[in-house]
Amino acid sequence: MSTTHRWNGIKNVLFFVMPALLFYVVFVLIPAAGGVWYGMTNWNGLNPNYRFVGLSNYVEALTEDRVFLDSVLFTLKYRLFHGGIAKCIGIIACRAH
């Protein structure tokens, strides 16, 4: 395979991958990074002034905030219960055929 043919193949792949990659970066990675950044500040969402507090917000949420821990536990139970039921129904439906 010649170098020119290989380069054309790479360009074709990039032509199709770049729009999806750009969409992913703009609408997923950048907002996620912003959420992590604001999670490490004491910003309340309204005041233009904020201070960097590091991981203390996350430590507080995981150790002191009972409502947060209850919501995480509920979400895990919900996911395991409903995911398990869906899988069982799918397996039963598959075996019935």
C-alpha atoms as a PDB file:
ATOM      1  CA  MET A   1       0.000   0.000   0.000  1.00  0.00           C
ATOM      2  CA  SER A   2       1.478   3.336  -0.995  1.00  0.00           C
ATOM      3  CA  THR A   3       1.864   6.249   1.394  1.00  0.00           C
ATOM      4  CA  THR A   4      -0.466   8.418  -0.701  1.00  0.00           C
ATOM      5  CA  HIS A   5      -3.224   5.790  -0.599  1.00  0.00           C
ATOM      6  CA  ARG A   6      -2.820   5.394   3.171  1.00  0.00           C
ATOM      7  CA  TRP A   7      -2.975   9.186   3.673  1.00  0.00           C
ATOM      8  CA  ASN A   8      -6.191   9.355   1.612  1.00  0.00           C
ATOM      9  CA  GLY A   9      -7.681   6.667   3.839  1.00  0.00           C
ATOM     10  CA  ILE A  10      -6.753   8.634   6.967  1.00  0.00           C
ATOM     11  CA  LYS A  11      -8.294  11.798   5.509  1.00  0.00           C
ATOM     12  CA  ASN A  12     -11.513   9.927   4.740  1.00  0.00           C
ATOM     13  CA  VAL A  13     -11.714   8.587   8.287  1.00  0.00           C
ATOM     14  CA  LEU A  14     -11.053  12.046   9.750  1.00  0.00           C
ATOM     15  CA  PHE A  15     -13.714  13.530   7.473  1.00  0.00           C
ATOM     16  CA  PHE A  16     -16.355  11.312   9.090  1.00  0.00           C
ATOM     17  CA  VAL A  17     -15.002  11.240  12.650  1.00  0.00           C
ATOM     18  CA  MET A  18     -14.278  14.934  13.185  1.00  0.00           C
ATOM     19  CA  PRO A  19     -17.912  16.182  13.239  1.00  0.00           C
ATOM     20  CA  ALA A  20     -18.867  13.616  15.885  1.00  0.00           C
ATOM     21  CA  LEU A  21     -15.701  14.302  17.859  1.00  0.00           C
ATOM     22  CA  LEU A  22     -16.315  18.053  17.715  1.00  0.00           C
ATOM     23  CA  PHE A  23     -19.925  17.560  18.856  1.00  0.00           C
ATOM     24  CA  TYR A  24     -18.729  15.345  21.742  1.00  0.00           C
ATOM     25  CA  VAL A  25     -16.096  17.845  22.862  1.00  0.00           C
ATOM     26  CA  VAL A  26     -18.410  20.868  22.659  1.00  0.00           C
ATOM     27  CA  PHE A  27     -21.525  19.321  24.207  1.00  0.00           C
ATOM     28  CA  VAL A  28     -20.090  16.704  26.604  1.00  0.00           C
ATOM     29  CA  LEU A  29     -16.471  17.291  27.610  1.00  0.00           C
ATOM     30  CA  ILE A  30     -16.502  21.081  27.976  1.00  0.00           C
ATOM     31  CA  PRO A  31     -19.711  21.169  30.094  1.00  0.00           C
ATOM     32  CA  ALA A  32     -18.440  18.257  32.217  1.00  0.00           C
ATOM     33  CA  ALA A  33     -15.162  20.068  32.853  1.00  0.00           C
ATOM     34  CA  GLY A  34     -17.108  23.228  33.733  1.00  0.00           C
ATOM     35  CA  GLY A  35     -19.230  21.265  36.192  1.00  0.00           C
ATOM     36  CA  VAL A  36     -16.147  19.858  37.897  1.00  0.00           C
ATOM     37  CA  TRP A  37     -14.604  23.342  38.027  1.00  0.00           C
ATOM     38  CA  TYR A  38     -17.694  24.967  39.540  1.00  0.00           C
ATOM     39  CA  GLY A  39     -17.993  22.026  41.918  1.00  0.00           C
ATOM     40  CA  MET A  40     -14.621  23.025  43.314  1.00  0.00           C
ATOM     41  CA  THR A  41     -15.750  26.576  44.089  1.00  0.00           C
ATOM     42  CA  ASN A  42     -18.184  28.118  46.548  1.00  0.00           C
ATOM     43  CA  TRP A  43     -20.201  29.734  43.723  1.00  0.00           C
ATOM     44  CA  ASN A  44     -23.953  29.820  44.406  1.00  0.00           C
ATOM     45  CA  GLY A  45     -24.988  30.288  40.770  1.00  0.00           C
ATOM     46  CA  LEU A  46     -26.108  33.897  41.171  1.00  0.00           C
ATOM     47  CA  ASN A  47     -23.270  35.875  42.685  1.00  0.00           C
ATOM     48  CA  PRO A  48     -20.502  36.770  40.205  1.00  0.00           C
ATOM     49  CA  ASN A  49     -17.898  36.339  42.935  1.00  0.00           C
ATOM     50  CA  TYR A  50     -16.673  32.921  43.944  1.00  0.00           C
ATOM     51  CA  ARG A  51     -13.683  31.343  45.636  1.00  0.00           C
ATOM     52  CA  PHE A  52     -11.847  28.109  44.842  1.00  0.00           C
ATOM     53  CA  VAL A  53     -12.378  25.615  47.683  1.00  0.00           C
ATOM     54  CA  GLY A  54     -10.899  22.474  46.135  1.00  0.00           C
ATOM     55  CA  LEU A  55     -12.388  19.086  46.937  1.00  0.00           C
ATOM     56  CA  SER A  56     -14.090  20.224  50.151  1.00  0.00           C
ATOM     57  CA  ASN A  57     -17.524  20.358  48.467  1.00  0.00           C
ATOM     58  CA  TYR A  58     -17.169  16.749  47.322  1.00  0.00           C
ATOM     59  CA  VAL A  59     -15.854  15.605  50.712  1.00  0.00           C
ATOM     60  CA  GLU A  60     -18.784  17.332  52.432  1.00  0.00           C
ATOM     61  CA  ALA A  61     -21.312  15.770  50.042  1.00  0.00           C
ATOM     62  CA  LEU A  62     -19.901  12.276  50.568  1.00  0.00           C
ATOM     63  CA  THR A  63     -19.456  12.478  54.336  1.00  0.00           C
ATOM     64  CA  GLU A  64     -21.907  14.997  55.835  1.00  0.00           C
ATOM     65  CA  ASP A  65     -24.854  15.457  53.465  1.00  0.00           C
ATOM     66  CA  ARG A  66     -27.389  12.757  54.324  1.00  0.00           C
ATOM     67  CA  VAL A  67     -29.813  13.838  51.576  1.00  0.00           C
ATOM     68  CA  PHE A  68     -27.111  13.365  48.937  1.00  0.00           C
ATOM     69  CA  LEU A  69     -26.180   9.932  50.273  1.00  0.00           C
ATOM     70  CA  ASP A  70     -29.837   8.887  50.398  1.00  0.00           C
ATOM     71  CA  SER A  71     -30.351   9.991  46.800  1.00  0.00           C
ATOM     72  CA  VAL A  72     -27.264   8.070  45.636  1.00  0.00           C
ATOM     73  CA  LEU A  73     -28.451   4.928  47.433  1.00  0.00           C
ATOM     74  CA  PHE A  74     -31.960   5.289  45.996  1.00  0.00           C
ATOM     75  CA  THR A  75     -30.536   5.703  42.494  1.00  0.00           C
ATOM     76  CA  LEU A  76     -28.365   2.593  42.875  1.00  0.00           C
ATOM     77  CA  LYS A  77     -31.282   0.523  44.189  1.00  0.00           C
ATOM     78  CA  TYR A  78     -33.561   1.799  41.429  1.00  0.00           C
ATOM     79  CA  ARG A  79     -30.998   1.002  38.744  1.00  0.00           C
ATOM     80  CA  LEU A  80     -30.218  -2.471  40.060  1.00  0.00           C
ATOM     81  CA  PHE A  81     -33.880  -3.372  40.603  1.00  0.00           C
ATOM     82  CA  HIS A  82     -35.228  -2.112  37.291  1.00  0.00           C
ATOM     83  CA  GLY A  83     -32.185  -3.204  35.314  1.00  0.00           C
ATOM     84  CA  GLY A  84     -32.439  -6.670  36.812  1.00  0.00           C
ATOM     85  CA  ILE A  85     -36.148  -6.936  36.058  1.00  0.00           C
ATOM     86  CA  ALA A  86     -35.613  -5.796  32.464  1.00  0.00           C
ATOM     87  CA  LYS A  87     -32.858  -8.364  31.976  1.00  0.00           C
ATOM     88  CA  CYS A  88     -34.985 -11.166  33.468  1.00  0.00           C
ATOM     89  CA  ILE A  89     -37.931 -10.275  31.240  1.00  0.00           C
ATOM     90  CA  GLY A  90     -35.621 -10.177  28.223  1.00  0.00           C
ATOM     91  CA  ILE A  91     -34.128 -13.562  29.035  1.00  0.00           C
ATOM     92  CA  ILE A  92     -37.561 -15.101  29.624  1.00  0.00           C
ATOM     93  CA  ALA A  93     -38.853 -13.623  26.356  1.00  0.00           C
ATOM     94  CA  CYS A  94     -35.797 -14.915  24.510  1.00  0.00           C
ATOM     95  CA  ARG A  95     -36.172 -18.431  25.967  1.00  0.00           C
ATOM     96  CA  ALA A  96     -39.901 -18.487  25.118  1.00  0.00           C
ATOM     97  CA  HIS A  97     -39.179 -18.362  21.420  1.00  0.00           C
END
